[in-house]
Amino acid sequence: MPTKKELLLKYAQQVRRRDIAWDREYSKLLPPDEEFIESLRLLVDYDYPSERLLEIANDPVLQMQALLQDVLEDVQGFLPEHCRCKADQSIVGLLPRSEVNASCFGSQAGITDGYLIGLNSGLIHGTGLVSAALIADTHPSVEKPTGRDFFDASLRFFSKGSPEDFEKSIQLTIGLPPEVQVLVGANHSVMLWFVTLHECGHIVHGDVDNGRATSHAISHEKSTYHPPTWEEEYAADQFALESFLLNRPNAERAWTNYATVDLLYRWLDLATQRAKASQDYPPTNARLHRLRQWMCATWGDDPSNHLQTLDDLWHRWIKETEV
């Protein structure tokens, strides 16, 4: 696992390589923390003393931004060759916490010469926690914390996302054995890969160029937001699934990864309801039905009943959470 300093240095290299104009683009999308943005400008322009690097590396916003840079690099490797041109024009960034969990931005939002894929912290950290819930309740070496502990924390963080919630959730994760933390990280990556591939689907299909998902997350004005149509959402789901799972080595691996995607959609639907946020997207059951149909047609039946295991865990978590 890279240290916080290594993550920060890698992020600085990414910023240099991408030649990101902070004033024009990221200052609109990062949380409005002028001190933080100024720290990043200094980091890009000058050699930073190591003690200051470690200090700002403790900022969870910076850690999540560094994580997203890695996710985008991975995703570009999944994309079909003919789709990589537009993806190469994309950068990735944090959205301020708003009603939009993930979205794409183009020229309508002031992004020039490419696209910006944005995810907010509730989605990024919440998916990490629900990934931990799945591993904690399926790995034989884990007794405490339980899957329900992580599941409850994921819902709390998604709806509130306070510093206290973040710190408590970090302490939960630290309590897991190192080999389990590796599995949690792998599961979390699958969720973030899929979300990012979905947004790449909107870019490749021309939805962003057509004015979809433009400036809602920046301006918070619903009148300026044009959500994708349901058919565009289904098409982006299909693009993500095909890009990610078409080249899995076997059905077992494909269904293992798909179960994580299935959990992502279930969790996001519940978390959004609990947070009383608006939903401009197709019903989750309809989306999952289409994805499962593709899996069966492409890979055959689920060889190890991954979805049945997930069903059992999900119903137990819901029941325990409602007590």
C-alpha atoms as a PDB file:
ATOM      1  CA  MET A   1       0.000   0.000   0.000  1.00  0.00           C
ATOM      2  CA  PRO A   2       1.426   3.437  -0.919  1.00  0.00           C
ATOM      3  CA  THR A   3       2.045   5.894   1.875  1.00  0.00           C
ATOM      4  CA  LYS A   4       0.124   9.141   2.054  1.00  0.00           C
ATOM      5  CA  LYS A   5       3.224  10.997   0.928  1.00  0.00           C
ATOM      6  CA  GLU A   6       3.602   8.711  -2.089  1.00  0.00           C
ATOM      7  CA  LEU A   7      -0.047   9.266  -2.994  1.00  0.00           C
ATOM      8  CA  LEU A   8       0.399  12.995  -2.745  1.00  0.00           C
ATOM      9  CA  LEU A   9       3.535  13.011  -4.862  1.00  0.00           C
ATOM     10  CA  LYS A  10       1.861  10.836  -7.475  1.00  0.00           C
ATOM     11  CA  TYR A  11      -1.077  13.222  -7.526  1.00  0.00           C
ATOM     12  CA  ALA A  12       1.275  16.167  -8.036  1.00  0.00           C
ATOM     13  CA  GLN A  13       2.819  14.352 -11.004  1.00  0.00           C
ATOM     14  CA  GLN A  14      -0.645  13.749 -12.433  1.00  0.00           C
ATOM     15  CA  VAL A  15      -1.468  17.425 -12.157  1.00  0.00           C
ATOM     16  CA  ARG A  16       1.749  18.367 -13.939  1.00  0.00           C
ATOM     17  CA  ARG A  17       1.202  15.770 -16.669  1.00  0.00           C
ATOM     18  CA  ARG A  18      -2.411  16.796 -17.280  1.00  0.00           C
ATOM     19  CA  ASP A  19      -1.538  20.501 -17.120  1.00  0.00           C
ATOM     20  CA  ILE A  20      -4.764  21.220 -15.261  1.00  0.00           C
ATOM     21  CA  ALA A  21      -5.773  24.869 -15.061  1.00  0.00           C
ATOM     22  CA  TRP A  22      -6.903  25.141 -11.444  1.00  0.00           C
ATOM     23  CA  ASP A  23      -8.314  28.641 -11.680  1.00  0.00           C
ATOM     24  CA  ARG A  24     -10.508  27.914 -14.679  1.00  0.00           C
ATOM     25  CA  GLU A  25     -11.851  24.458 -13.958  1.00  0.00           C
ATOM     26  CA  TYR A  26     -11.095  22.758 -10.665  1.00  0.00           C
ATOM     27  CA  SER A  27     -11.823  25.777  -8.498  1.00  0.00           C
ATOM     28  CA  LYS A  28     -15.440  25.422  -9.663  1.00  0.00           C
ATOM     29  CA  LEU A  29     -15.650  21.768  -8.714  1.00  0.00           C
ATOM     30  CA  LEU A  30     -13.557  21.283  -5.595  1.00  0.00           C
ATOM     31  CA  PRO A  31     -15.069  22.287  -2.258  1.00  0.00           C
ATOM     32  CA  PRO A  32     -14.612  26.059  -1.845  1.00  0.00           C
ATOM     33  CA  ASP A  33     -11.559  25.858   0.422  1.00  0.00           C
ATOM     34  CA  GLU A  34      -9.164  28.548  -0.768  1.00  0.00           C
ATOM     35  CA  GLU A  35      -6.370  27.422   1.561  1.00  0.00           C
ATOM     36  CA  PHE A  36      -6.585  23.888   0.195  1.00  0.00           C
ATOM     37  CA  ILE A  37      -6.580  25.028  -3.427  1.00  0.00           C
ATOM     38  CA  GLU A  38      -3.623  27.320  -2.753  1.00  0.00           C
ATOM     39  CA  SER A  39      -1.753  24.389  -1.179  1.00  0.00           C
ATOM     40  CA  LEU A  40      -2.265  22.418  -4.359  1.00  0.00           C
ATOM     41  CA  ARG A  41      -1.036  25.290  -6.512  1.00  0.00           C
ATOM     42  CA  LEU A  42       2.110  25.498  -4.410  1.00  0.00           C
ATOM     43  CA  LEU A  43       2.547  21.752  -4.565  1.00  0.00           C
ATOM     44  CA  VAL A  44       2.460  21.798  -8.343  1.00  0.00           C
ATOM     45  CA  ASP A  45       4.773  24.786  -8.707  1.00  0.00           C
ATOM     46  CA  TYR A  46       7.393  24.240  -6.015  1.00  0.00           C
ATOM     47  CA  ASP A  47       9.259  21.544  -4.118  1.00  0.00           C
ATOM     48  CA  TYR A  48       7.365  21.157  -0.872  1.00  0.00           C
ATOM     49  CA  PRO A  49       9.066  20.451   2.485  1.00  0.00           C
ATOM     50  CA  SER A  50       8.343  16.881   3.548  1.00  0.00           C
ATOM     51  CA  GLU A  51       6.648  17.848   6.821  1.00  0.00           C
ATOM     52  CA  ARG A  52       4.165  20.043   4.936  1.00  0.00           C
ATOM     53  CA  LEU A  53       3.535  17.234   2.437  1.00  0.00           C
ATOM     54  CA  LEU A  54       2.582  14.902   5.245  1.00  0.00           C
ATOM     55  CA  GLU A  55       0.407  17.555   6.838  1.00  0.00           C
ATOM     56  CA  ILE A  56      -1.753  18.220   3.795  1.00  0.00           C
ATOM     57  CA  ALA A  57      -1.691  14.533   2.831  1.00  0.00           C
ATOM     58  CA  ASN A  58      -3.930  13.917   5.849  1.00  0.00           C
ATOM     59  CA  ASP A  59      -6.685  15.854   4.109  1.00  0.00           C
ATOM     60  CA  PRO A  60      -9.268  13.238   3.000  1.00  0.00           C
ATOM     61  CA  VAL A  61     -10.196  15.400   0.014  1.00  0.00           C
ATOM     62  CA  LEU A  62      -6.666  15.140  -1.342  1.00  0.00           C
ATOM     63  CA  GLN A  63      -6.545  11.399  -0.709  1.00  0.00           C
ATOM     64  CA  MET A  64      -9.787  10.886  -2.607  1.00  0.00           C
ATOM     65  CA  GLN A  65      -8.594  13.032  -5.504  1.00  0.00           C
ATOM     66  CA  ALA A  66      -5.412  10.946  -5.737  1.00  0.00           C
ATOM     67  CA  LEU A  67      -7.532   7.787  -5.693  1.00  0.00           C
ATOM     68  CA  LEU A  68      -9.634   9.096  -8.585  1.00  0.00           C
ATOM     69  CA  GLN A  69      -6.531   9.724 -10.669  1.00  0.00           C
ATOM     70  CA  ASP A  70      -5.597   6.053 -10.293  1.00  0.00           C
ATOM     71  CA  VAL A  71      -9.154   4.980 -11.134  1.00  0.00           C
ATOM     72  CA  LEU A  72      -9.149   6.952 -14.390  1.00  0.00           C
ATOM     73  CA  GLU A  73      -5.822   5.438 -15.442  1.00  0.00           C
ATOM     74  CA  ASP A  74      -7.189   1.933 -14.805  1.00  0.00           C
ATOM     75  CA  VAL A  75     -10.427   2.675 -16.665  1.00  0.00           C
ATOM     76  CA  GLN A  76      -8.585   3.818 -19.776  1.00  0.00           C
ATOM     77  CA  GLY A  77      -7.127   0.324 -19.966  1.00  0.00           C
ATOM     78  CA  PHE A  78     -10.602  -1.261 -19.970  1.00  0.00           C
ATOM     79  CA  LEU A  79     -11.983   0.853 -22.809  1.00  0.00           C
ATOM     80  CA  PRO A  80     -12.258  -0.499 -26.362  1.00  0.00           C
ATOM     81  CA  GLU A  81      -9.571   0.922 -28.650  1.00  0.00           C
ATOM     82  CA  HIS A  82     -12.010   3.033 -30.683  1.00  0.00           C
ATOM     83  CA  CYS A  83     -13.313   4.734 -27.512  1.00  0.00           C
ATOM     84  CA  ARG A  84      -9.991   5.766 -26.017  1.00  0.00           C
ATOM     85  CA  CYS A  85      -9.630   9.017 -27.924  1.00  0.00           C
ATOM     86  CA  LYS A  86     -12.378  10.804 -25.991  1.00  0.00           C
ATOM     87  CA  ALA A  87     -11.358   9.169 -22.725  1.00  0.00           C
ATOM     88  CA  ASP A  88      -7.833  10.488 -23.206  1.00  0.00           C
ATOM     89  CA  GLN A  89      -9.355  13.972 -23.300  1.00  0.00           C
ATOM     90  CA  SER A  90     -10.944  13.439 -19.870  1.00  0.00           C
ATOM     91  CA  ILE A  91      -9.808  14.400 -16.408  1.00  0.00           C
ATOM     92  CA  VAL A  92     -11.391  13.364 -13.139  1.00  0.00           C
ATOM     93  CA  GLY A  93     -12.236  15.433 -10.072  1.00  0.00           C
ATOM     94  CA  LEU A  94     -14.213  15.715  -6.881  1.00  0.00           C
ATOM     95  CA  LEU A  95     -17.664  17.241  -6.963  1.00  0.00           C
ATOM     96  CA  PRO A  96     -18.893  19.305  -4.046  1.00  0.00           C
ATOM     97  CA  ARG A  97     -21.470  17.374  -2.038  1.00  0.00           C
ATOM     98  CA  SER A  98     -24.741  17.933  -3.852  1.00  0.00           C
ATOM     99  CA  GLU A  99     -27.677  16.039  -5.266  1.00  0.00           C
ATOM    100  CA  VAL A 100     -25.460  14.717  -8.054  1.00  0.00           C
ATOM    101  CA  ASN A 101     -23.314  11.713  -7.052  1.00  0.00           C
ATOM    102  CA  ALA A 102     -21.415  11.388 -10.319  1.00  0.00           C
ATOM    103  CA  SER A 103     -21.615  13.284 -13.569  1.00  0.00           C
ATOM    104  CA  CYS A 104     -19.786  14.446 -16.711  1.00  0.00           C
ATOM    105  CA  PHE A 105     -19.047  17.993 -17.701  1.00  0.00           C
ATOM    106  CA  GLY A 106     -18.066  19.546 -20.991  1.00  0.00           C
ATOM    107  CA  SER A 107     -18.039  22.946 -22.621  1.00  0.00           C
ATOM    108  CA  GLN A 108     -21.454  23.886 -21.181  1.00  0.00           C
ATOM    109  CA  ALA A 109     -19.894  23.855 -17.698  1.00  0.00           C
ATOM    110  CA  GLY A 110     -16.816  25.808 -18.703  1.00  0.00           C
ATOM    111  CA  ILE A 111     -14.573  22.777 -19.266  1.00  0.00           C
ATOM    112  CA  THR A 112     -12.502  23.390 -22.376  1.00  0.00           C
ATOM    113  CA  ASP A 113     -10.556  20.946 -24.519  1.00  0.00           C
ATOM    114  CA  GLY A 114     -12.097  17.796 -23.107  1.00  0.00           C
ATOM    115  CA  TYR A 115     -14.336  16.490 -20.356  1.00  0.00           C
ATOM    116  CA  LEU A 116     -14.360  16.289 -16.600  1.00  0.00           C
ATOM    117  CA  ILE A 117     -15.795  13.254 -14.806  1.00  0.00           C
ATOM    118  CA  GLY A 118     -16.827  14.189 -11.289  1.00  0.00           C
ATOM    119  CA  LEU A 119     -17.694  12.037  -8.262  1.00  0.00           C
ATOM    120  CA  ASN A 120     -18.601  13.359  -4.844  1.00  0.00           C
ATOM    121  CA  SER A 121     -17.105  12.271  -1.525  1.00  0.00           C
ATOM    122  CA  GLY A 122     -20.302  10.594  -0.304  1.00  0.00           C
ATOM    123  CA  LEU A 123     -20.169   8.210  -3.253  1.00  0.00           C
ATOM    124  CA  ILE A 124     -16.405   7.630  -3.095  1.00  0.00           C
ATOM    125  CA  HIS A 125     -16.111   6.905   0.608  1.00  0.00           C
ATOM    126  CA  GLY A 126     -19.543   5.294   0.942  1.00  0.00           C
ATOM    127  CA  THR A 127     -18.715   2.704  -1.705  1.00  0.00           C
ATOM    128  CA  GLY A 128     -15.506   1.929   0.159  1.00  0.00           C
ATOM    129  CA  LEU A 129     -17.494   1.240   3.311  1.00  0.00           C
ATOM    130  CA  VAL A 130     -20.125  -0.932   1.634  1.00  0.00           C
ATOM    131  CA  SER A 131     -17.291  -2.857  -0.056  1.00  0.00           C
ATOM    132  CA  ALA A 132     -15.903  -3.480   3.418  1.00  0.00           C
ATOM    133  CA  ALA A 133     -19.336  -4.666   4.553  1.00  0.00           C
ATOM    134  CA  LEU A 134     -19.374  -7.327   1.851  1.00  0.00           C
ATOM    135  CA  ILE A 135     -15.858  -8.592   2.615  1.00  0.00           C
ATOM    136  CA  ALA A 136     -16.309  -8.475   6.396  1.00  0.00           C
ATOM    137  CA  ASP A 137     -19.345 -10.771   6.227  1.00  0.00           C
ATOM    138  CA  THR A 138     -17.907 -13.214   3.678  1.00  0.00           C
ATOM    139  CA  HIS A 139     -14.292 -13.557   4.850  1.00  0.00           C
ATOM    140  CA  PRO A 140     -13.789 -16.286   7.473  1.00  0.00           C
ATOM    141  CA  SER A 141     -11.115 -14.413   9.445  1.00  0.00           C
ATOM    142  CA  VAL A 142     -13.290 -11.375  10.256  1.00  0.00           C
ATOM    143  CA  GLU A 143     -15.426 -11.343  13.389  1.00  0.00           C
ATOM    144  CA  LYS A 144     -15.322  -7.655  14.297  1.00  0.00           C
ATOM    145  CA  PRO A 145     -16.207  -5.189  12.902  1.00  0.00           C
ATOM    146  CA  THR A 146     -19.188  -6.810  11.235  1.00  0.00           C
ATOM    147  CA  GLY A 147     -20.668  -6.142   7.840  1.00  0.00           C
ATOM    148  CA  ARG A 148     -23.533  -4.341   9.482  1.00  0.00           C
ATOM    149  CA  ASP A 149     -21.090  -1.920  11.179  1.00  0.00           C
ATOM    150  CA  PHE A 150     -19.717  -0.948   7.789  1.00  0.00           C
ATOM    151  CA  PHE A 151     -23.142  -0.906   6.142  1.00  0.00           C
ATOM    152  CA  ASP A 152     -24.534   1.490   8.762  1.00  0.00           C
ATOM    153  CA  ALA A 153     -21.446   3.690   8.436  1.00  0.00           C
ATOM    154  CA  SER A 154     -21.792   3.810   4.644  1.00  0.00           C
ATOM    155  CA  LEU A 155     -25.354   5.125   4.881  1.00  0.00           C
ATOM    156  CA  ARG A 156     -24.439   7.697   7.529  1.00  0.00           C
ATOM    157  CA  PHE A 157     -21.474   8.991   5.562  1.00  0.00           C
ATOM    158  CA  PHE A 158     -23.442   9.230   2.327  1.00  0.00           C
ATOM    159  CA  SER A 159     -26.171  11.350   3.905  1.00  0.00           C
ATOM    160  CA  LYS A 160     -24.018  13.499   6.228  1.00  0.00           C
ATOM    161  CA  GLY A 161     -20.345  13.070   5.472  1.00  0.00           C
ATOM    162  CA  SER A 162     -19.184  14.931   8.576  1.00  0.00           C
ATOM    163  CA  PRO A 163     -15.515  14.824   9.655  1.00  0.00           C
ATOM    164  CA  GLU A 164     -16.604  12.764  12.662  1.00  0.00           C
ATOM    165  CA  ASP A 165     -18.292  10.193  10.403  1.00  0.00           C
ATOM    166  CA  PHE A 166     -15.161  10.032   8.260  1.00  0.00           C
ATOM    167  CA  GLU A 167     -12.875   9.492  11.251  1.00  0.00           C
ATOM    168  CA  LYS A 168     -15.100   6.772  12.725  1.00  0.00           C
ATOM    169  CA  SER A 169     -15.248   4.930   9.420  1.00  0.00           C
ATOM    170  CA  ILE A 170     -11.454   5.050   9.081  1.00  0.00           C
ATOM    171  CA  GLN A 171     -11.119   3.499  12.532  1.00  0.00           C
ATOM    172  CA  LEU A 172     -13.480   0.700  11.466  1.00  0.00           C
ATOM    173  CA  THR A 173     -11.358  -0.079   8.421  1.00  0.00           C
ATOM    174  CA  ILE A 174      -8.115  -0.056  10.411  1.00  0.00           C
ATOM    175  CA  GLY A 175      -9.619  -2.832  12.550  1.00  0.00           C
ATOM    176  CA  LEU A 176      -9.576  -5.257   9.613  1.00  0.00           C
ATOM    177  CA  PRO A 177      -6.648  -7.663   9.055  1.00  0.00           C
ATOM    178  CA  PRO A 178      -4.200  -6.449   6.362  1.00  0.00           C
ATOM    179  CA  GLU A 179      -5.103  -9.224   3.906  1.00  0.00           C
ATOM    180  CA  VAL A 180      -8.780  -8.292   4.248  1.00  0.00           C
ATOM    181  CA  GLN A 181      -8.032  -4.612   3.662  1.00  0.00           C
ATOM    182  CA  VAL A 182      -6.476  -5.617   0.334  1.00  0.00           C
ATOM    183  CA  LEU A 183      -9.697  -7.397  -0.656  1.00  0.00           C
ATOM    184  CA  VAL A 184     -11.771  -4.395   0.402  1.00  0.00           C
ATOM    185  CA  GLY A 185      -9.589  -2.136  -1.744  1.00  0.00           C
ATOM    186  CA  ALA A 186     -10.026  -4.435  -4.741  1.00  0.00           C
ATOM    187  CA  ASN A 187     -13.799  -4.476  -4.298  1.00  0.00           C
ATOM    188  CA  HIS A 188     -13.892  -0.715  -3.903  1.00  0.00           C
ATOM    189  CA  SER A 189     -11.917  -0.327  -7.125  1.00  0.00           C
ATOM    190  CA  VAL A 190     -14.505  -2.386  -9.011  1.00  0.00           C
ATOM    191  CA  MET A 191     -17.267  -0.016  -7.884  1.00  0.00           C
ATOM    192  CA  LEU A 192     -15.329   3.133  -8.801  1.00  0.00           C
ATOM    193  CA  TRP A 193     -14.232   1.644 -12.121  1.00  0.00           C
ATOM    194  CA  PHE A 194     -17.833   0.898 -13.009  1.00  0.00           C
ATOM    195  CA  VAL A 195     -19.096   4.377 -12.072  1.00  0.00           C
ATOM    196  CA  THR A 196     -16.299   6.000 -14.066  1.00  0.00           C
ATOM    197  CA  LEU A 197     -16.881   3.713 -17.062  1.00  0.00           C
ATOM    198  CA  HIS A 198     -20.576   4.624 -16.928  1.00  0.00           C
ATOM    199  CA  GLU A 199     -19.658   8.301 -17.185  1.00  0.00           C
ATOM    200  CA  CYS A 200     -17.230   7.483 -20.015  1.00  0.00           C
ATOM    201  CA  GLY A 201     -20.212   5.869 -21.745  1.00  0.00           C
ATOM    202  CA  HIS A 202     -22.050   9.200 -21.671  1.00  0.00           C
ATOM    203  CA  ILE A 203     -18.991  10.886 -23.202  1.00  0.00           C
ATOM    204  CA  VAL A 204     -18.521   8.262 -25.934  1.00  0.00           C
ATOM    205  CA  HIS A 205     -22.239   8.257 -26.814  1.00  0.00           C
ATOM    206  CA  GLY A 206     -22.300  12.051 -27.199  1.00  0.00           C
ATOM    207  CA  ASP A 207     -24.673  12.688 -24.284  1.00  0.00           C
ATOM    208  CA  VAL A 208     -22.381  15.328 -22.767  1.00  0.00           C
ATOM    209  CA  ASP A 209     -21.878  17.089 -26.101  1.00  0.00           C
ATOM    210  CA  ASN A 210     -25.669  17.181 -26.453  1.00  0.00           C
ATOM    211  CA  GLY A 211     -25.955  19.227 -23.263  1.00  0.00           C
ATOM    212  CA  ARG A 212     -26.782  16.510 -20.733  1.00  0.00           C
ATOM    213  CA  ALA A 213     -25.536  16.699 -17.144  1.00  0.00           C
ATOM    214  CA  THR A 214     -24.236  20.207 -17.612  1.00  0.00           C
ATOM    215  CA  SER A 215     -24.021  22.574 -14.672  1.00  0.00           C
ATOM    216  CA  HIS A 216     -26.294  21.379 -11.873  1.00  0.00           C
ATOM    217  CA  ALA A 217     -23.488  20.264  -9.586  1.00  0.00           C
ATOM    218  CA  ILE A 218     -21.724  23.597  -9.973  1.00  0.00           C
ATOM    219  CA  SER A 219     -24.574  26.057  -9.780  1.00  0.00           C
ATOM    220  CA  HIS A 220     -27.116  24.051  -7.736  1.00  0.00           C
ATOM    221  CA  GLU A 221     -29.788  25.534  -9.985  1.00  0.00           C
ATOM    222  CA  LYS A 222     -32.168  22.808 -11.124  1.00  0.00           C
ATOM    223  CA  SER A 223     -33.282  24.883 -14.077  1.00  0.00           C
ATOM    224  CA  THR A 224     -29.823  24.499 -15.623  1.00  0.00           C
ATOM    225  CA  TYR A 225     -29.634  20.736 -15.173  1.00  0.00           C
ATOM    226  CA  HIS A 226     -30.591  18.424 -18.012  1.00  0.00           C
ATOM    227  CA  PRO A 227     -30.432  14.835 -16.753  1.00  0.00           C
ATOM    228  CA  PRO A 228     -29.765  12.043 -19.216  1.00  0.00           C
ATOM    229  CA  THR A 229     -32.814  10.216 -20.529  1.00  0.00           C
ATOM    230  CA  TRP A 230     -33.490   6.742 -19.179  1.00  0.00           C
ATOM    231  CA  GLU A 231     -32.394   5.199 -22.456  1.00  0.00           C
ATOM    232  CA  GLU A 232     -29.110   7.095 -22.224  1.00  0.00           C
ATOM    233  CA  GLU A 233     -28.651   5.759 -18.692  1.00  0.00           C
ATOM    234  CA  TYR A 234     -29.330   2.185 -19.791  1.00  0.00           C
ATOM    235  CA  ALA A 235     -26.877   2.606 -22.678  1.00  0.00           C
ATOM    236  CA  ALA A 236     -24.169   3.960 -20.354  1.00  0.00           C
ATOM    237  CA  ASP A 237     -24.746   1.015 -17.983  1.00  0.00           C
ATOM    238  CA  GLN A 238     -24.352  -1.387 -20.898  1.00  0.00           C
ATOM    239  CA  PHE A 239     -21.188   0.360 -22.073  1.00  0.00           C
ATOM    240  CA  ALA A 240     -19.657   0.124 -18.597  1.00  0.00           C
ATOM    241  CA  LEU A 241     -20.538  -3.538 -18.163  1.00  0.00           C
ATOM    242  CA  GLU A 242     -19.248  -4.559 -21.592  1.00  0.00           C
ATOM    243  CA  SER A 243     -16.039  -2.557 -21.245  1.00  0.00           C
ATOM    244  CA  PHE A 244     -15.297  -4.002 -17.817  1.00  0.00           C
ATOM    245  CA  LEU A 245     -16.505  -7.598 -17.962  1.00  0.00           C
ATOM    246  CA  LEU A 246     -16.363  -8.697 -21.600  1.00  0.00           C
ATOM    247  CA  ASN A 247     -12.729  -9.797 -21.289  1.00  0.00           C
ATOM    248  CA  ARG A 248     -12.812 -11.488 -17.884  1.00  0.00           C
ATOM    249  CA  PRO A 249     -10.866 -14.783 -17.943  1.00  0.00           C
ATOM    250  CA  ASN A 250     -13.857 -16.948 -16.956  1.00  0.00           C
ATOM    251  CA  ALA A 251     -17.484 -16.914 -15.772  1.00  0.00           C
ATOM    252  CA  GLU A 252     -16.486 -17.220 -12.113  1.00  0.00           C
ATOM    253  CA  ARG A 253     -14.420 -14.040 -12.226  1.00  0.00           C
ATOM    254  CA  ALA A 254     -17.057 -12.217 -14.274  1.00  0.00           C
ATOM    255  CA  TRP A 255     -19.876 -13.069 -11.859  1.00  0.00           C
ATOM    256  CA  THR A 256     -17.708 -12.243  -8.836  1.00  0.00           C
ATOM    257  CA  ASN A 257     -17.077  -8.775 -10.243  1.00  0.00           C
ATOM    258  CA  TYR A 258     -20.684  -8.373 -11.338  1.00  0.00           C
ATOM    259  CA  ALA A 259     -21.961  -9.107  -7.806  1.00  0.00           C
ATOM    260  CA  THR A 260     -19.974  -6.076  -6.641  1.00  0.00           C
ATOM    261  CA  VAL A 261     -21.645  -3.939  -9.341  1.00  0.00           C
ATOM    262  CA  ASP A 262     -25.046  -5.297  -8.287  1.00  0.00           C
ATOM    263  CA  LEU A 263     -24.310  -4.312  -4.683  1.00  0.00           C
ATOM    264  CA  LEU A 264     -23.249  -0.842  -5.848  1.00  0.00           C
ATOM    265  CA  TYR A 265     -26.644  -0.184  -7.447  1.00  0.00           C
ATOM    266  CA  ARG A 266     -28.628  -1.570  -4.510  1.00  0.00           C
ATOM    267  CA  TRP A 267     -26.644   0.479  -2.035  1.00  0.00           C
ATOM    268  CA  LEU A 268     -26.767   3.692  -4.056  1.00  0.00           C
ATOM    269  CA  ASP A 269     -30.543   3.390  -4.407  1.00  0.00           C
ATOM    270  CA  LEU A 270     -31.020   2.875  -0.646  1.00  0.00           C
ATOM    271  CA  ALA A 271     -28.489   5.540   0.354  1.00  0.00           C
ATOM    272  CA  THR A 272     -30.149   8.081  -1.945  1.00  0.00           C
ATOM    273  CA  GLN A 273     -33.559   7.293  -0.448  1.00  0.00           C
ATOM    274  CA  ARG A 274     -32.241   7.582   3.122  1.00  0.00           C
ATOM    275  CA  ALA A 275     -30.617  10.921   2.277  1.00  0.00           C
ATOM    276  CA  LYS A 276     -33.950  12.093   0.785  1.00  0.00           C
ATOM    277  CA  ALA A 277     -32.116  13.180  -2.371  1.00  0.00           C
ATOM    278  CA  SER A 278     -33.841  13.513  -5.735  1.00  0.00           C
ATOM    279  CA  GLN A 279     -33.442  10.693  -8.255  1.00  0.00           C
ATOM    280  CA  ASP A 280     -33.424  11.492 -11.961  1.00  0.00           C
ATOM    281  CA  TYR A 281     -32.492   7.969 -12.976  1.00  0.00           C
ATOM    282  CA  PRO A 282     -34.309   4.794 -14.024  1.00  0.00           C
ATOM    283  CA  PRO A 283     -35.580   2.448 -11.290  1.00  0.00           C
ATOM    284  CA  THR A 284     -32.759   0.347  -9.869  1.00  0.00           C
ATOM    285  CA  ASN A 285     -34.650  -2.899 -10.406  1.00  0.00           C
ATOM    286  CA  ALA A 286     -35.007  -2.120 -14.119  1.00  0.00           C
ATOM    287  CA  ARG A 287     -31.310  -1.324 -14.448  1.00  0.00           C
ATOM    288  CA  LEU A 288     -30.245  -4.484 -12.626  1.00  0.00           C
ATOM    289  CA  HIS A 289     -32.651  -6.608 -14.679  1.00  0.00           C
ATOM    290  CA  ARG A 290     -30.967  -5.446 -17.893  1.00  0.00           C
ATOM    291  CA  LEU A 291     -27.469  -5.960 -16.507  1.00  0.00           C
ATOM    292  CA  ARG A 292     -28.283  -9.467 -15.274  1.00  0.00           C
ATOM    293  CA  GLN A 293     -29.775 -10.355 -18.635  1.00  0.00           C
ATOM    294  CA  TRP A 294     -26.504  -9.363 -20.319  1.00  0.00           C
ATOM    295  CA  MET A 295     -24.500 -11.396 -17.809  1.00  0.00           C
ATOM    296  CA  CYS A 296     -26.578 -14.531 -18.412  1.00  0.00           C
ATOM    297  CA  ALA A 297     -26.438 -14.113 -22.180  1.00  0.00           C
ATOM    298  CA  THR A 298     -22.679 -13.515 -22.158  1.00  0.00           C
ATOM    299  CA  TRP A 299     -21.418 -15.721 -19.333  1.00  0.00           C
ATOM    300  CA  GLY A 300     -24.198 -18.203 -18.648  1.00  0.00           C
ATOM    301  CA  ASP A 301     -25.601 -18.913 -15.193  1.00  0.00           C
ATOM    302  CA  ASP A 302     -23.895 -17.667 -12.055  1.00  0.00           C
ATOM    303  CA  PRO A 303     -21.631 -20.669 -11.231  1.00  0.00           C
ATOM    304  CA  SER A 304     -21.261 -20.021  -7.500  1.00  0.00           C
ATOM    305  CA  ASN A 305     -24.588 -18.321  -6.727  1.00  0.00           C
ATOM    306  CA  HIS A 306     -22.921 -14.993  -5.979  1.00  0.00           C
ATOM    307  CA  LEU A 307     -26.212 -13.130  -6.278  1.00  0.00           C
ATOM    308  CA  GLN A 308     -27.948 -15.470  -3.844  1.00  0.00           C
ATOM    309  CA  THR A 309     -25.195 -14.829  -1.297  1.00  0.00           C
ATOM    310  CA  LEU A 310     -25.568 -11.111  -1.910  1.00  0.00           C
ATOM    311  CA  ASP A 311     -29.369 -11.341  -1.519  1.00  0.00           C
ATOM    312  CA  ASP A 312     -28.987 -13.057   1.854  1.00  0.00           C
ATOM    313  CA  LEU A 313     -26.527 -10.466   3.125  1.00  0.00           C
ATOM    314  CA  TRP A 314     -28.549  -7.557   1.799  1.00  0.00           C
ATOM    315  CA  HIS A 315     -31.794  -8.654   3.454  1.00  0.00           C
ATOM    316  CA  ARG A 316     -29.982  -9.230   6.728  1.00  0.00           C
ATOM    317  CA  TRP A 317     -28.320  -5.808   6.659  1.00  0.00           C
ATOM    318  CA  ILE A 318     -31.615  -4.104   5.862  1.00  0.00           C
ATOM    319  CA  LYS A 319     -33.417  -5.966   8.627  1.00  0.00           C
ATOM    320  CA  GLU A 320     -30.719  -5.217  11.209  1.00  0.00           C
ATOM    321  CA  THR A 321     -30.466  -1.577  10.147  1.00  0.00           C
ATOM    322  CA  GLU A 322     -34.205  -1.080  10.644  1.00  0.00           C
ATOM    323  CA  VAL A 323     -34.154  -2.513  14.174  1.00  0.00           C
END
